[in-house]
Amino acid sequence: MIMNKTKIVFLLLVVTVFLGCQSKPSYSNQPESIARGNELFEQHCTACHNFKSAGIGSNLSGITKMVSYNWLNNFIKNPKQLIDSGDERAVKLYKKYNIYMPNFEHLKTEELNNILAFLNTKTDIPKSVKNNYGTPLKNPIKDSIAKNGKTLVLKYIMQVPATSKNKPVARINKMHSTPDGKNTFINDLNGILYHINGNTVSTVLKIEDYFKNFISTPGLGTGFGSFAFHPDFKANGLLYTSHTEKNNVSKAVDFTYNDSIPKTLQWVVTEWEMNPKNFAIKNTHRELLRIDMPTRIHGMQDITFNPVTTKNSLDYGNLYIGIGDGGSAENGFTHLTQSTSQIWGTILRINPLGNTSKNKKYGIPNNNPFANNKNALGEIWAYGFRNPHRMSWHPNNGQMLASDIGHKKIEEINSIEKGYNYGWPKREGTFAIYTDTNMENVYSIKNRDTTLIDPVLQFDHDEANAICGGFVYNGKAIPELKGKYIFGSIVKGCVFMADAKHLELGKQSTITKFEISVNNKTTTFQELTKHHRIDLRLDIDGSNEPYLYTKADGKIYKIIGVK
């Protein structure tokens, strides 16, 4: 039987529509898929993205209305490939944020689909808010950082064992020596403390062996954060660590907040007893304090003792703890920071051997600025920080310096004085920022509030993202660096310098940039790691000689000269 033309055309249309509906991707609305997508988003994405404001990456609210399913899928898998192909939106995002998002090609198709299903539940497109703050500054710091004509000569030392199949392969995060300077250690955020022996390492502690709720994802800030040896380590063998755990309702929390705000994870400070001769961990350890965090970002980045104090000093044996705002400002929980009654966005100073704290597990030094203020936390030394990443002290004059990783525009180094307010989230660097409008923007300050302290060093994101605090060089091997403050950029792997003589409150010091060379060849960390996100760190060993190391590939380099 021969069909007429009308029937044939009708059948072709039906088939075309059917195939089109079958091939067009769609977002799952199954609760199980959305819930799993939420979990995966928390693990992999919250360090850079949220649904309130832009940060390291864009605000993802309404993203599934703005772009296609296929575009999102392709971008998540390999953003650099899409950018390099010339895709208009991808290129625009790269120019705006000045950073490549990591690729997630290792995620299974089902996992990607679950993430997209979750994103599709966040459909409200951000609206612009009218304000009378003036015109936002597109390029707040117009002057570029100049090269100083110097090249740091690096010597490759070793590669730390991989703890992940995907980059960063070894999340090496802090190098630190015993107080006598004879032994140096390095930690991996994935939970391991290593003792460095020449060009090899040996494991002395695995956090997961002691804490069943230990977590080290998502990858930028969670895990085994920091460690510090007590100044009397040779006699008492005391080691202090910080790490993250799942939100643990069975544990007493020392610092928390209203239940309507998420409690995503907890940061914990622990005291350990070690054998100071062979560094074996004894069976006993005790918890000093536990803190709830609203998101997985801006946690407890550094714990450290003042290394230049003497035994007779009031600062001897006091532990400094840098605590970020927990992502509170950019997620709308602004009341958690910029306050002496809240612990988030602060640098603490405690005596780990005392018992005057509320939980009786540590002491609050009498000369802390708020020790006798009933309306404030006596633990606070300084406040108004977004993400205080590293703390160090000038070896000659005892000046305390702390890096604060910026939001959308400014990175900064601060000279820390007790009781001072360093501005976040009212300030980003020397510029105004407003939490009731788009926090991507910074503004000129018309009426300067002198109670908010400006940084001594700052640069904007034209130069680099995510500042990495360093040290004032006081070693003997490289006289050209004597008295220079050396610091860097976590993401791009740039290395900077400033004259430590001029790091004074109320002044902006000049920053210059180094080249680097390995094996007599000028290079970059992008070339060395074969990766666009470097995750650079800078530290010194027990002889005050400097090292650079990269989480992207787990390699350690020693600075052996300047040319």
Protein backbone atom coordinates (compact mmCIF):
# COMPACT_ATOMS: atom_id res chain seq x y z
CA MET A 1 0.00 0.00 0.00
CA ILE A 2 1.41 3.37 -1.05
CA MET A 3 1.06 6.26 1.40
CA ASN A 4 0.08 9.70 0.11
CA LYS A 5 2.44 12.66 0.44
CA THR A 6 0.45 14.25 3.31
CA LYS A 7 0.83 11.16 5.49
CA ILE A 8 4.56 10.89 4.71
CA VAL A 9 5.18 14.52 5.65
CA PHE A 10 3.18 14.08 8.86
CA LEU A 11 5.14 10.97 9.87
CA LEU A 12 8.46 12.70 9.15
CA LEU A 13 7.44 15.59 11.40
CA VAL A 14 6.44 13.19 14.19
CA VAL A 15 9.77 11.32 13.92
CA THR A 16 11.75 14.59 13.86
CA VAL A 17 9.99 15.93 16.95
CA PHE A 18 10.41 12.58 18.71
CA LEU A 19 14.13 12.37 17.95
CA GLY A 20 14.59 16.01 18.93
CA CYS A 21 12.92 15.42 22.26
CA GLN A 22 14.96 12.29 22.81
CA SER A 23 18.32 13.93 22.00
CA LYS A 24 17.79 17.27 23.78
CA PRO A 25 19.41 17.09 27.23
CA SER A 26 17.26 17.91 30.22
CA TYR A 27 17.79 18.46 33.93
CA SER A 28 16.66 15.73 36.26
CA ASN A 29 13.99 16.69 38.78
CA GLN A 30 14.44 13.54 40.85
CA PRO A 31 15.06 14.36 44.54
CA GLU A 32 17.82 11.74 44.79
CA SER A 33 19.70 13.22 41.84
CA ILE A 34 19.36 16.79 43.18
CA ALA A 35 20.48 15.75 46.65
CA ARG A 36 23.53 13.96 45.24
CA GLY A 37 24.25 17.00 43.07
CA ASN A 38 24.14 19.20 46.16
CA GLU A 39 26.71 16.93 47.85
CA LEU A 40 28.99 17.02 44.80
CA PHE A 41 28.66 20.79 44.54
CA GLU A 42 29.69 21.09 48.19
CA GLN A 43 32.70 18.84 47.56
CA HIS A 44 33.99 20.37 44.35
CA CYS A 45 32.53 23.84 43.79
CA THR A 46 31.83 25.81 46.96
CA ALA A 47 35.42 26.97 47.34
CA CYS A 48 34.87 29.27 44.33
CA HIS A 49 31.11 29.57 43.73
CA ASN A 50 27.90 30.30 45.61
CA PHE A 51 24.41 31.63 44.84
CA LYS A 52 24.63 34.97 46.65
CA SER A 53 27.60 36.78 45.11
CA ALA A 54 30.67 36.35 42.95
CA GLY A 55 34.02 35.47 44.49
CA ILE A 56 36.89 33.55 42.91
CA GLY A 57 34.26 32.43 40.41
CA SER A 58 30.89 33.72 39.27
CA ASN A 59 27.57 33.71 41.14
CA LEU A 60 25.79 30.62 39.77
CA SER A 61 22.26 31.66 40.65
CA GLY A 62 20.08 31.35 37.54
CA ILE A 63 22.92 29.87 35.46
CA THR A 64 20.72 27.18 33.86
CA LYS A 65 18.44 29.92 32.49
CA MET A 66 21.38 31.83 31.01
CA VAL A 67 23.23 29.08 29.14
CA SER A 68 22.48 25.71 27.64
CA TYR A 69 22.82 22.31 29.27
CA ASN A 70 25.51 21.32 26.76
CA TRP A 71 27.53 24.48 27.36
CA LEU A 72 27.52 23.93 31.13
CA ASN A 73 28.45 20.29 30.68
CA ASN A 74 31.37 21.11 28.40
CA PHE A 75 32.60 23.98 30.55
CA ILE A 76 32.61 21.93 33.75
CA LYS A 77 34.50 19.11 32.05
CA ASN A 78 37.24 21.27 30.56
CA PRO A 79 36.90 25.06 30.88
CA LYS A 80 40.37 25.77 29.50
CA GLN A 81 39.58 23.87 26.31
CA LEU A 82 36.41 25.90 25.81
CA ILE A 83 38.26 29.16 26.51
CA ASP A 84 41.08 28.26 24.13
CA SER A 85 38.53 27.41 21.43
CA GLY A 86 37.39 31.04 21.48
CA ASP A 87 33.94 30.44 22.95
CA GLU A 88 32.61 33.94 23.56
CA ARG A 89 31.11 33.39 27.02
CA ALA A 90 34.06 31.30 28.25
CA VAL A 91 36.58 33.90 27.10
CA LYS A 92 34.57 36.68 28.74
CA LEU A 93 34.51 34.79 32.05
CA TYR A 94 38.26 34.21 31.91
CA LYS A 95 38.94 37.90 31.27
CA LYS A 96 36.62 38.89 34.11
CA TYR A 97 37.98 36.52 36.76
CA ASN A 98 41.55 36.24 35.45
CA ILE A 99 41.74 32.55 36.36
CA TYR A 100 41.09 29.15 34.82
CA MET A 101 38.55 27.03 36.63
CA PRO A 102 39.89 23.49 37.28
CA ASN A 103 38.61 20.86 34.87
CA PHE A 104 36.45 18.01 36.13
CA GLU A 105 36.89 15.45 33.38
CA HIS A 106 37.32 12.80 36.08
CA LEU A 107 33.66 13.15 37.10
CA LYS A 108 31.36 10.47 35.74
CA THR A 109 28.48 11.42 33.43
CA GLU A 110 25.96 10.66 36.18
CA GLU A 111 27.85 12.90 38.62
CA LEU A 112 27.90 15.79 36.14
CA ASN A 113 24.19 15.34 35.50
CA ASN A 114 23.51 15.40 39.24
CA ILE A 115 25.47 18.65 39.66
CA LEU A 116 23.52 20.22 36.80
CA ALA A 117 20.24 18.99 38.30
CA PHE A 118 21.15 20.77 41.54
CA LEU A 119 22.17 23.96 39.71
CA ASN A 120 18.80 23.93 37.96
CA THR A 121 17.08 24.33 41.34
CA LYS A 122 18.81 27.72 41.76
CA THR A 123 16.85 29.56 39.09
CA ASP A 124 16.65 33.12 40.43
CA ILE A 125 18.73 35.38 38.19
CA PRO A 126 20.66 37.95 40.27
CA LYS A 127 19.16 41.44 40.13
CA SER A 128 21.20 44.60 40.18
CA VAL A 129 20.68 46.71 43.30
CA LYS A 130 20.53 50.47 43.04
CA ASN A 131 22.74 52.34 45.49
CA ASN A 132 24.24 55.75 46.08
CA TYR A 133 27.78 54.56 46.70
CA GLY A 134 29.12 56.12 43.53
CA THR A 135 30.80 54.51 40.55
CA PRO A 136 32.50 51.14 41.10
CA LEU A 137 36.23 51.09 40.33
CA LYS A 138 37.00 48.82 37.38
CA ASN A 139 40.74 49.01 37.93
CA PRO A 140 41.27 50.14 41.54
CA ILE A 141 45.09 49.97 41.40
CA LYS A 142 46.14 51.31 38.02
CA ASP A 143 49.91 50.91 38.44
CA SER A 144 51.25 47.49 37.49
CA ILE A 145 53.80 45.59 39.56
CA ALA A 146 57.15 46.02 37.86
CA LYS A 147 59.77 43.33 37.50
CA ASN A 148 62.75 44.06 39.73
CA GLY A 149 65.31 42.73 37.28
CA LYS A 150 66.20 39.86 39.62
CA THR A 151 65.81 36.15 39.11
CA LEU A 152 65.43 33.67 41.94
CA VAL A 153 67.63 30.64 41.32
CA LEU A 154 65.75 27.51 42.38
CA LYS A 155 67.09 24.05 43.10
CA TYR A 156 64.69 21.13 42.83
CA ILE A 157 64.68 19.17 46.10
CA MET A 158 62.01 16.48 45.90
CA GLN A 159 58.48 15.49 45.05
CA VAL A 160 56.24 14.64 48.00
CA PRO A 161 54.24 11.39 47.57
CA ALA A 162 50.93 11.83 45.76
CA THR A 163 47.80 11.63 47.87
CA SER A 164 45.36 12.20 45.00
CA LYS A 165 44.94 10.88 41.46
CA ASN A 166 43.92 14.33 40.23
CA LYS A 167 45.67 17.68 40.56
CA PRO A 168 46.61 18.91 43.04
CA VAL A 169 48.35 15.56 43.49
CA ALA A 170 49.96 16.40 46.84
CA ARG A 171 48.37 19.21 48.80
CA ILE A 172 51.53 20.30 50.61
CA ASN A 173 50.56 23.35 52.61
CA LYS A 174 53.02 24.39 55.31
CA MET A 175 56.73 23.85 56.01
CA HIS A 176 57.77 24.35 59.61
CA SER A 177 60.75 23.46 61.80
CA THR A 178 61.19 22.49 65.43
CA PRO A 179 62.19 25.45 67.62
CA ASP A 180 65.86 24.35 67.66
CA GLY A 181 65.87 24.53 63.84
CA LYS A 182 67.30 21.03 63.46
CA ASN A 183 64.30 19.23 61.96
CA THR A 184 61.85 20.41 59.31
CA PHE A 185 58.37 19.07 58.58
CA ILE A 186 55.74 19.58 55.88
CA ASN A 187 52.05 18.70 55.88
CA ASP A 188 49.64 17.55 53.20
CA LEU A 189 46.07 18.84 53.53
CA ASN A 190 44.89 15.31 52.78
CA GLY A 191 45.91 14.44 56.32
CA ILE A 192 49.63 13.61 56.56
CA LEU A 193 52.51 15.20 58.46
CA TYR A 194 55.96 14.39 57.02
CA HIS A 195 59.45 14.72 58.45
CA ILE A 196 61.86 15.94 55.77
CA ASN A 197 65.07 13.91 55.52
CA GLY A 198 67.29 15.42 52.83
CA ASN A 199 65.41 14.78 49.60
CA THR A 200 62.92 12.28 51.04
CA VAL A 201 60.08 12.40 53.56
CA SER A 202 58.82 10.01 56.22
CA THR A 203 55.30 9.97 57.69
CA VAL A 204 54.98 10.87 61.38
CA LEU A 205 51.21 11.46 61.66
CA LYS A 206 48.04 10.55 59.75
CA ILE A 207 45.07 12.57 60.94
CA GLU A 208 42.52 10.03 59.69
CA ASP A 209 44.01 7.37 61.98
CA TYR A 210 42.67 9.34 64.95
CA PHE A 211 39.55 11.11 63.71
CA LYS A 212 36.86 9.12 61.91
CA ASN A 213 35.05 12.30 60.84
CA PHE A 214 38.12 13.86 59.21
CA ILE A 215 37.45 15.33 55.75
CA SER A 216 39.74 16.94 53.21
CA THR A 217 37.31 17.92 50.45
CA PRO A 218 36.58 20.17 48.66
CA GLY A 219 40.15 20.82 47.80
CA LEU A 220 41.13 24.44 48.40
CA GLY A 221 41.10 24.91 52.16
CA THR A 222 39.77 21.88 54.03
CA GLY A 223 41.74 19.01 55.56
CA PHE A 224 44.84 19.05 57.75
CA GLY A 225 45.31 22.79 57.73
CA SER A 226 48.32 23.71 59.81
CA PHE A 227 50.69 22.65 62.59
CA ALA A 228 53.01 24.25 65.11
CA PHE A 229 55.58 23.07 67.66
CA HIS A 230 55.47 24.53 71.16
CA PRO A 231 58.52 26.74 71.90
CA ASP A 232 59.45 24.25 74.66
CA PHE A 233 59.04 21.28 72.32
CA LYS A 234 62.44 19.82 73.20
CA ALA A 235 61.28 19.47 76.82
CA ASN A 236 57.52 18.87 76.49
CA GLY A 237 57.15 17.33 73.00
CA LEU A 238 53.93 19.26 72.33
CA LEU A 239 52.64 19.60 68.77
CA TYR A 240 49.49 21.47 67.72
CA THR A 241 47.41 20.80 64.60
CA SER A 242 44.24 22.06 62.96
CA HIS A 243 41.92 19.95 60.81
CA THR A 244 38.37 19.78 59.45
CA GLU A 245 35.65 17.30 60.36
CA LYS A 246 32.14 16.63 59.18
CA ASN A 247 29.49 18.52 61.10
CA ASN A 248 29.56 16.40 64.24
CA VAL A 249 26.52 16.79 66.52
CA SER A 250 27.98 14.37 69.06
CA LYS A 251 30.85 16.74 69.89
CA ALA A 252 30.60 19.86 72.02
CA VAL A 253 31.22 22.94 69.87
CA ASP A 254 32.94 25.91 71.48
CA PHE A 255 31.91 28.50 68.87
CA THR A 256 28.66 28.23 66.94
CA TYR A 257 25.69 30.37 65.76
CA ASN A 258 21.97 30.38 65.04
CA ASP A 259 20.55 27.12 63.65
CA SER A 260 19.06 28.86 60.58
CA ILE A 261 22.59 29.28 59.19
CA PRO A 262 24.18 26.12 57.71
CA LYS A 263 26.78 24.24 59.72
CA THR A 264 28.79 22.74 56.90
CA LEU A 265 31.86 21.50 58.78
CA GLN A 266 33.97 22.06 61.90
CA TRP A 267 37.55 23.17 62.44
CA VAL A 268 39.35 21.55 65.36
CA VAL A 269 42.60 22.43 67.17
CA THR A 270 44.35 19.45 68.78
CA GLU A 271 47.34 19.08 71.10
CA TRP A 272 49.58 16.03 70.63
CA GLU A 273 52.45 14.57 72.60
CA MET A 274 55.46 13.53 70.52
CA ASN A 275 58.79 12.02 71.37
CA PRO A 276 61.09 14.98 70.62
CA LYS A 277 63.94 12.63 69.69
CA ASN A 278 62.29 10.34 67.14
CA PHE A 279 58.98 12.27 66.62
CA ALA A 280 56.81 9.26 67.42
CA ILE A 281 53.26 10.26 68.33
CA LYS A 282 52.21 9.10 71.80
CA ASN A 283 48.75 7.66 72.35
CA THR A 284 47.40 10.75 74.09
CA HIS A 285 46.01 13.83 72.39
CA ARG A 286 43.44 16.40 73.47
CA GLU A 287 41.08 18.83 71.79
CA LEU A 288 41.54 22.52 72.55
CA LEU A 289 38.65 24.06 70.64
CA ARG A 290 36.06 23.31 67.95
CA ILE A 291 34.37 25.82 65.61
CA ASP A 292 31.31 25.51 63.35
CA MET A 293 31.64 26.89 59.82
CA PRO A 294 28.78 28.03 57.53
CA THR A 295 30.58 26.98 54.32
CA ARG A 296 33.71 25.03 53.35
CA ILE A 297 35.76 28.12 52.51
CA HIS A 298 37.80 30.61 54.56
CA GLY A 299 38.45 28.32 57.49
CA MET A 300 41.35 28.00 59.91
CA GLN A 301 44.32 28.65 57.64
CA ASP A 302 47.28 28.93 60.01
CA ILE A 303 48.28 28.22 63.58
CA THR A 304 51.69 29.37 64.82
CA PHE A 305 53.79 30.57 67.72
CA ASN A 306 55.80 33.79 67.62
CA PRO A 307 59.28 32.47 66.70
CA VAL A 308 61.23 35.63 67.62
CA THR A 309 60.04 36.02 71.20
CA THR A 310 62.14 35.10 74.23
CA LYS A 311 61.24 32.96 77.24
CA ASN A 312 60.84 36.00 79.46
CA SER A 313 58.45 37.69 77.02
CA LEU A 314 54.70 37.94 77.67
CA ASP A 315 54.18 36.45 74.18
CA TYR A 316 56.21 33.31 74.81
CA GLY A 317 54.15 30.13 74.41
CA ASN A 318 51.03 31.82 73.05
CA LEU A 319 49.42 30.17 70.04
CA TYR A 320 48.08 32.40 67.24
CA ILE A 321 45.16 31.03 65.21
CA GLY A 322 43.98 32.63 61.96
CA ILE A 323 40.27 32.10 61.34
CA GLY A 324 38.51 33.17 58.15
CA ASP A 325 34.96 34.42 57.90
CA GLY A 326 33.75 30.99 56.78
CA GLY A 327 32.33 32.52 53.59
CA SER A 328 29.82 34.36 55.78
CA ALA A 329 29.97 37.78 54.10
CA GLU A 330 29.48 36.65 50.53
CA ASN A 331 26.72 34.23 51.59
CA GLY A 332 24.70 36.87 53.43
CA PHE A 333 25.66 36.06 57.04
CA THR A 334 27.45 39.35 57.60
CA HIS A 335 26.75 39.50 61.34
CA LEU A 336 29.21 36.64 61.90
CA THR A 337 32.19 38.88 61.21
CA GLN A 338 33.39 42.46 61.80
CA SER A 339 32.68 41.88 65.49
CA THR A 340 34.65 41.30 68.68
CA SER A 341 31.85 39.08 69.99
CA GLN A 342 32.20 36.53 67.15
CA ILE A 343 35.17 34.34 66.34
CA TRP A 344 34.88 34.38 62.52
CA GLY A 345 37.23 36.70 60.61
CA THR A 346 39.74 37.00 63.44
CA ILE A 347 43.25 36.18 64.61
CA LEU A 348 43.16 34.54 68.05
CA ARG A 349 45.89 34.39 70.68
CA ILE A 350 45.63 31.71 73.35
CA ASN A 351 47.84 29.96 75.89
CA PRO A 352 47.40 26.25 75.10
CA LEU A 353 48.74 25.27 78.52
CA GLY A 354 46.27 27.43 80.46
CA ASN A 355 42.68 26.80 81.58
CA THR A 356 40.92 30.17 81.85
CA SER A 357 38.85 29.74 78.68
CA LYS A 358 35.14 28.96 78.84
CA ASN A 359 35.81 25.29 78.06
CA LYS A 360 38.79 25.21 80.50
CA LYS A 361 41.03 23.64 77.82
CA TYR A 362 43.30 26.63 77.18
CA GLY A 363 44.12 29.99 78.69
CA ILE A 364 43.32 33.55 77.62
CA PRO A 365 46.40 35.76 78.15
CA ASN A 366 45.70 38.70 80.46
CA ASN A 367 47.24 41.16 78.00
CA ASN A 368 44.94 40.19 75.12
CA PRO A 369 43.06 43.34 74.03
CA PHE A 370 39.60 42.05 74.99
CA ALA A 371 40.56 39.76 77.87
CA ASN A 372 38.61 41.84 80.39
CA ASN A 373 35.71 42.85 78.14
CA LYS A 374 32.55 40.91 79.02
CA ASN A 375 30.96 41.82 75.67
CA ALA A 376 33.86 40.48 73.58
CA LEU A 377 35.78 37.25 73.11
CA GLY A 378 38.97 37.38 75.14
CA GLU A 379 40.68 35.08 72.64
CA ILE A 380 40.66 37.73 69.88
CA TRP A 381 43.96 39.47 69.10
CA ALA A 382 42.80 41.32 65.95
CA TYR A 383 39.72 41.14 63.71
CA GLY A 384 38.15 42.22 60.42
CA PHE A 385 39.71 39.57 58.15
CA ARG A 386 38.27 37.63 55.23
CA ASN A 387 40.76 34.78 55.10
CA PRO A 388 43.98 35.34 57.10
CA HIS A 389 46.18 32.84 55.32
CA ARG A 390 49.67 33.10 56.84
CA MET A 391 51.25 34.83 59.82
CA SER A 392 54.93 35.66 60.30
CA TRP A 393 57.15 37.95 62.33
CA HIS A 394 59.98 40.29 61.35
CA PRO A 395 63.11 38.67 62.85
CA ASN A 396 64.64 42.00 63.90
CA ASN A 397 61.82 44.19 65.20
CA GLY A 398 59.13 41.59 66.00
CA GLN A 399 56.54 43.12 63.65
CA MET A 400 53.70 40.67 63.00
CA LEU A 401 52.57 40.35 59.37
CA ALA A 402 49.54 38.50 58.03
CA SER A 403 48.27 37.94 54.52
CA ASP A 404 44.52 38.21 53.89
CA ILE A 405 43.19 36.54 50.74
CA GLY A 406 40.88 38.94 48.92
CA HIS A 407 37.42 38.67 47.43
CA LYS A 408 36.99 40.00 43.89
CA LYS A 409 39.47 42.83 43.58
CA ILE A 410 42.22 43.24 46.23
CA GLU A 411 44.88 41.09 47.92
CA GLU A 412 46.62 42.38 51.02
CA ILE A 413 49.37 42.05 53.65
CA ASN A 414 48.63 43.59 57.05
CA SER A 415 50.83 44.71 59.91
CA ILE A 416 49.04 43.24 62.93
CA GLU A 417 48.55 45.20 66.12
CA LYS A 418 46.49 43.93 69.03
CA GLY A 419 42.87 45.01 69.13
CA TYR A 420 42.88 46.55 65.64
CA ASN A 421 40.07 46.18 63.10
CA TYR A 422 41.30 45.36 59.58
CA GLY A 423 38.07 46.18 57.81
CA TRP A 424 36.49 43.13 56.14
CA PRO A 425 33.72 43.15 54.96
CA LYS A 426 33.54 46.95 55.01
CA ARG A 427 36.89 47.23 53.29
CA GLU A 428 38.86 45.32 50.69
CA GLY A 429 42.37 46.73 50.84
CA THR A 430 42.16 50.54 50.93
CA PHE A 431 38.78 50.51 49.16
CA ALA A 432 35.18 50.41 50.33
CA ILE A 433 32.98 47.37 49.80
CA TYR A 434 29.26 47.08 50.59
CA THR A 435 27.52 43.86 51.55
CA ASP A 436 24.05 45.11 50.63
CA THR A 437 24.93 45.34 46.95
CA ASN A 438 27.17 43.56 44.44
CA MET A 439 30.26 42.55 46.42
CA GLU A 440 32.28 42.26 43.22
CA ASN A 441 32.58 46.04 43.30
CA VAL A 442 34.92 48.26 45.29
CA TYR A 443 34.64 52.04 45.66
CA SER A 444 36.76 55.01 46.55
CA ILE A 445 36.35 55.99 50.19
CA LYS A 446 34.90 59.47 50.66
CA ASN A 447 34.97 59.70 54.46
CA ARG A 448 37.68 57.42 55.76
CA ASP A 449 36.96 55.58 59.02
CA THR A 450 40.32 55.68 60.79
CA THR A 451 39.34 52.79 63.08
CA LEU A 452 39.62 50.46 60.06
CA ILE A 453 43.27 49.67 59.39
CA ASP A 454 44.71 49.75 55.86
CA PRO A 455 47.12 47.07 54.63
CA VAL A 456 50.82 47.80 54.23
CA LEU A 457 50.93 45.95 50.90
CA GLN A 458 48.19 45.39 48.34
CA PHE A 459 47.67 44.50 44.70
CA ASP A 460 44.60 43.98 42.55
CA HIS A 461 43.54 41.06 40.38
CA ASP A 462 45.12 42.50 37.27
CA GLU A 463 48.31 41.12 38.81
CA ALA A 464 47.32 37.85 40.44
CA ASN A 465 44.73 36.05 42.58
CA ALA A 466 44.92 34.81 46.17
CA ILE A 467 47.90 36.24 48.03
CA CYS A 468 50.28 33.87 49.78
CA GLY A 469 52.02 35.34 52.81
CA GLY A 470 55.71 34.69 53.25
CA PHE A 471 58.59 35.84 55.42
CA VAL A 472 61.19 38.51 56.02
CA TYR A 473 64.43 36.85 54.91
CA ASN A 474 67.02 36.57 57.65
CA GLY A 475 69.18 33.71 56.39
CA LYS A 476 72.86 33.79 55.50
CA ALA A 477 73.04 32.12 52.10
CA ILE A 478 71.41 34.88 50.01
CA PRO A 479 72.57 38.35 51.16
CA GLU A 480 70.67 40.01 48.28
CA LEU A 481 67.38 39.10 50.02
CA LYS A 482 68.36 40.28 53.51
CA GLY A 483 65.59 42.38 55.05
CA LYS A 484 63.18 41.74 52.15
CA TYR A 485 59.66 40.48 52.65
CA ILE A 486 59.10 37.65 50.15
CA PHE A 487 55.53 36.60 49.30
CA GLY A 488 53.54 35.37 46.33
CA SER A 489 50.36 34.48 44.50
CA ILE A 490 48.78 31.10 45.22
CA VAL A 491 46.99 30.71 41.90
CA LYS A 492 49.44 32.08 39.34
CA GLY A 493 52.64 31.25 41.18
CA CYS A 494 54.12 34.76 41.00
CA VAL A 495 56.80 35.65 43.56
CA PHE A 496 56.95 39.21 44.91
CA MET A 497 59.23 41.30 47.12
CA ALA A 498 58.94 44.41 49.28
CA ASP A 499 61.45 46.18 51.51
CA ALA A 500 60.61 45.15 55.09
CA LYS A 501 61.89 48.52 56.39
CA HIS A 502 58.88 50.25 54.88
CA LEU A 503 56.05 47.98 56.03
CA GLU A 504 54.53 50.62 58.28
CA LEU A 505 50.93 51.23 59.26
CA GLY A 506 49.42 54.07 57.27
CA LYS A 507 51.79 53.62 54.33
CA GLN A 508 51.67 51.65 51.10
CA SER A 509 54.98 49.99 50.27
CA THR A 510 56.26 49.24 46.77
CA ILE A 511 55.96 45.70 45.43
CA THR A 512 58.22 44.25 42.72
CA LYS A 513 58.18 40.89 40.97
CA PHE A 514 60.88 38.22 40.50
CA GLU A 515 61.61 35.94 37.59
CA ILE A 516 62.52 32.35 38.50
CA SER A 517 65.02 29.93 36.99
CA VAL A 518 65.67 26.19 37.32
CA ASN A 519 68.71 24.45 35.86
CA ASN A 520 69.96 27.75 34.41
CA LYS A 521 66.72 28.24 32.47
CA THR A 522 64.30 31.09 33.13
CA THR A 523 60.85 29.59 33.50
CA THR A 524 57.47 29.92 35.22
CA PHE A 525 55.58 27.69 37.58
CA GLN A 526 53.00 27.15 34.85
CA GLU A 527 55.74 25.58 32.75
CA LEU A 528 57.19 23.62 35.66
CA THR A 529 53.88 22.17 36.86
CA LYS A 530 52.20 21.88 33.44
CA HIS A 531 49.16 23.30 35.15
CA HIS A 532 47.39 26.66 35.20
CA ARG A 533 46.58 26.66 38.93
CA ILE A 534 49.87 26.51 40.82
CA ASP A 535 48.83 26.54 44.50
CA LEU A 536 52.15 28.11 45.49
CA ARG A 537 53.44 28.22 49.06
CA LEU A 538 56.54 29.93 50.53
CA ASP A 539 58.35 29.00 53.74
CA ILE A 540 61.72 28.82 55.46
CA ASP A 541 63.59 25.93 57.08
CA GLY A 542 65.28 25.85 60.49
CA SER A 543 68.24 27.82 59.13
CA ASN A 544 65.92 30.54 57.79
CA GLU A 545 66.65 29.54 54.19
CA PRO A 546 63.72 29.88 51.77
CA TYR A 547 61.67 27.31 49.85
CA LEU A 548 58.90 27.43 47.26
CA TYR A 549 56.57 24.48 46.73
CA THR A 550 53.52 23.73 44.65
CA LYS A 551 50.43 21.68 45.42
CA ALA A 552 49.75 21.21 41.70
CA ASP A 553 52.54 18.64 41.45
CA GLY A 554 53.82 18.26 45.02
CA LYS A 555 57.33 19.51 44.21
CA ILE A 556 59.63 21.43 46.54
CA TYR A 557 62.29 23.91 45.40
CA LYS A 558 64.92 25.70 47.46
CA ILE A 559 65.93 29.28 46.64
CA ILE A 560 69.72 29.06 46.44
CA GLY A 561 70.56 32.46 44.98
CA VAL A 562 69.63 35.60 43.10
CA LYS A 563 71.01 36.68 39.76
